[in-house]
Amino acid sequence: METTRQHKIARLLQKELAEILQTEGRNFSASGMVTVTSAEVSKDFSFARIYLSIFGVGDKQSVLRELNTHKKELRFRLGQRIKNQLRIVPEIHFMLDETLDYIENIDKLLKQ
């Protein structure tokens, strides 16, 4: 169960990473649209899982791997933005959010 502070920090990370990927996304992924759907932060705020939805690309795992290779640079840019809210910038790990694919699959099955 998340505390209120964890929830606030997760929302902050989600918002800031979304802005970074929106403004400078071409530097980190070659193609497709990347959306930050949610974030989870550990209790000590040292680790964060960032869930992404990736559209317009056949191989989503390759885009995810590419973003994971740029983790250090993304964490640095995140640190520049949230330096007044947090002492330590959490280590980030990107995960693929497959809820939209799951919903699409259920919708397709229901239409059959």
Protein backbone atom coordinates (compact mmCIF):
# COMPACT_ATOMS: atom_id res chain seq x y z
CA MET A 1 0.00 0.00 0.00
CA GLU A 2 1.39 3.37 -1.01
CA THR A 3 1.69 6.24 1.41
CA THR A 4 0.52 9.71 0.47
CA ARG A 5 4.12 10.85 0.02
CA GLN A 6 4.90 7.91 -2.28
CA HIS A 7 1.84 8.71 -4.36
CA LYS A 8 2.80 12.39 -4.66
CA ILE A 9 6.37 11.55 -5.67
CA ALA A 10 5.14 8.98 -8.20
CA ARG A 11 2.83 11.57 -9.79
CA LEU A 12 5.68 14.10 -9.87
CA LEU A 13 8.00 11.60 -11.58
CA GLN A 14 5.28 10.66 -14.07
CA LYS A 15 4.60 14.31 -14.96
CA GLU A 16 8.24 15.32 -15.28
CA LEU A 17 9.31 12.25 -17.28
CA ALA A 18 6.33 12.75 -19.60
CA GLU A 19 7.46 16.32 -20.25
CA ILE A 20 11.06 15.22 -20.83
CA LEU A 21 9.99 12.53 -23.30
CA GLN A 22 7.61 14.94 -25.00
CA THR A 23 10.15 17.72 -25.52
CA GLU A 24 13.30 15.65 -26.02
CA GLY A 25 11.88 12.26 -26.95
CA ARG A 26 13.56 12.09 -30.34
CA ASN A 27 16.94 11.98 -28.59
CA PHE A 28 15.99 8.83 -26.69
CA SER A 29 13.80 6.78 -29.03
CA ALA A 30 13.96 6.73 -32.80
CA SER A 31 10.29 6.30 -33.60
CA GLY A 32 6.84 5.89 -32.15
CA MET A 33 4.93 7.73 -29.49
CA VAL A 34 5.86 7.03 -25.88
CA THR A 35 3.40 7.82 -23.10
CA VAL A 36 4.14 7.61 -19.38
CA THR A 37 1.05 5.88 -17.96
CA SER A 38 2.03 5.49 -14.31
CA ALA A 39 4.88 5.32 -11.83
CA GLU A 40 5.60 3.38 -8.65
CA VAL A 41 8.15 4.45 -6.06
CA SER A 42 9.77 2.31 -3.37
CA LYS A 43 9.25 3.20 0.29
CA ASP A 44 12.70 4.75 0.60
CA PHE A 45 12.32 6.66 -2.72
CA SER A 46 15.49 5.11 -4.11
CA PHE A 47 13.86 3.12 -6.92
CA ALA A 48 11.05 3.93 -9.32
CA ARG A 49 9.25 1.81 -11.91
CA ILE A 50 7.97 3.85 -14.81
CA TYR A 51 5.24 2.25 -16.92
CA LEU A 52 5.15 3.25 -20.59
CA SER A 53 2.70 2.78 -23.43
CA ILE A 54 4.35 2.72 -26.83
CA PHE A 55 2.37 3.38 -30.01
CA GLY A 56 3.23 3.40 -33.69
CA VAL A 57 6.00 0.81 -33.48
CA GLY A 58 5.88 -2.86 -34.38
CA ASP A 59 8.55 -3.93 -31.89
CA LYS A 60 7.80 -2.24 -28.57
CA GLN A 61 10.55 -4.14 -26.74
CA SER A 62 13.25 -2.54 -28.89
CA VAL A 63 12.00 0.96 -27.99
CA LEU A 64 11.89 -0.07 -24.33
CA ARG A 65 15.47 -1.39 -24.53
CA GLU A 66 16.58 1.83 -26.19
CA LEU A 67 15.02 3.92 -23.42
CA ASN A 68 16.62 1.69 -20.79
CA THR A 69 20.03 2.33 -22.36
CA HIS A 70 19.44 6.09 -21.91
CA LYS A 71 18.41 5.73 -18.25
CA LYS A 72 21.36 7.68 -16.91
CA GLU A 73 20.76 10.67 -19.13
CA LEU A 74 17.01 10.62 -18.40
CA ARG A 75 17.70 10.38 -14.66
CA PHE A 76 20.09 13.33 -14.89
CA ARG A 77 17.48 15.46 -16.69
CA LEU A 78 14.87 14.37 -14.18
CA GLY A 79 17.20 15.37 -11.36
CA GLN A 80 17.61 18.83 -12.83
CA ARG A 81 13.83 19.27 -12.77
CA ILE A 82 13.02 17.83 -9.32
CA LYS A 83 16.10 18.90 -7.38
CA ASN A 84 14.00 21.12 -5.09
CA GLN A 85 11.47 18.39 -4.24
CA LEU A 86 13.76 15.40 -3.59
CA ARG A 87 17.24 15.03 -2.15
CA ILE A 88 18.01 11.82 -4.03
CA VAL A 89 16.75 11.15 -7.53
CA PRO A 90 15.41 7.58 -7.65
CA GLU A 91 16.96 4.95 -9.89
CA ILE A 92 14.48 4.51 -12.74
CA HIS A 93 13.50 1.34 -14.54
CA PHE A 94 11.15 1.42 -17.53
CA MET A 95 8.43 -1.21 -17.86
CA LEU A 96 5.97 -1.82 -20.67
CA ASP A 97 2.35 -1.09 -19.73
CA GLU A 98 0.22 -3.56 -21.61
CA THR A 99 -3.21 -2.57 -20.28
CA LEU A 100 -4.26 -0.88 -23.52
CA ASP A 101 -3.27 -3.97 -25.53
CA TYR A 102 -5.23 -6.09 -23.08
CA ILE A 103 -8.32 -3.87 -23.41
CA GLU A 104 -8.03 -3.94 -27.20
CA ASN A 105 -7.81 -7.74 -27.16
CA ILE A 106 -10.89 -8.06 -24.93
CA ASP A 107 -12.80 -5.63 -27.13
CA LYS A 108 -11.86 -7.66 -30.22
CA LEU A 109 -12.99 -10.89 -28.54
CA LEU A 110 -16.30 -9.36 -27.51
CA LYS A 111 -17.02 -8.19 -31.05
CA GLN A 112 -16.54 -11.72 -32.42
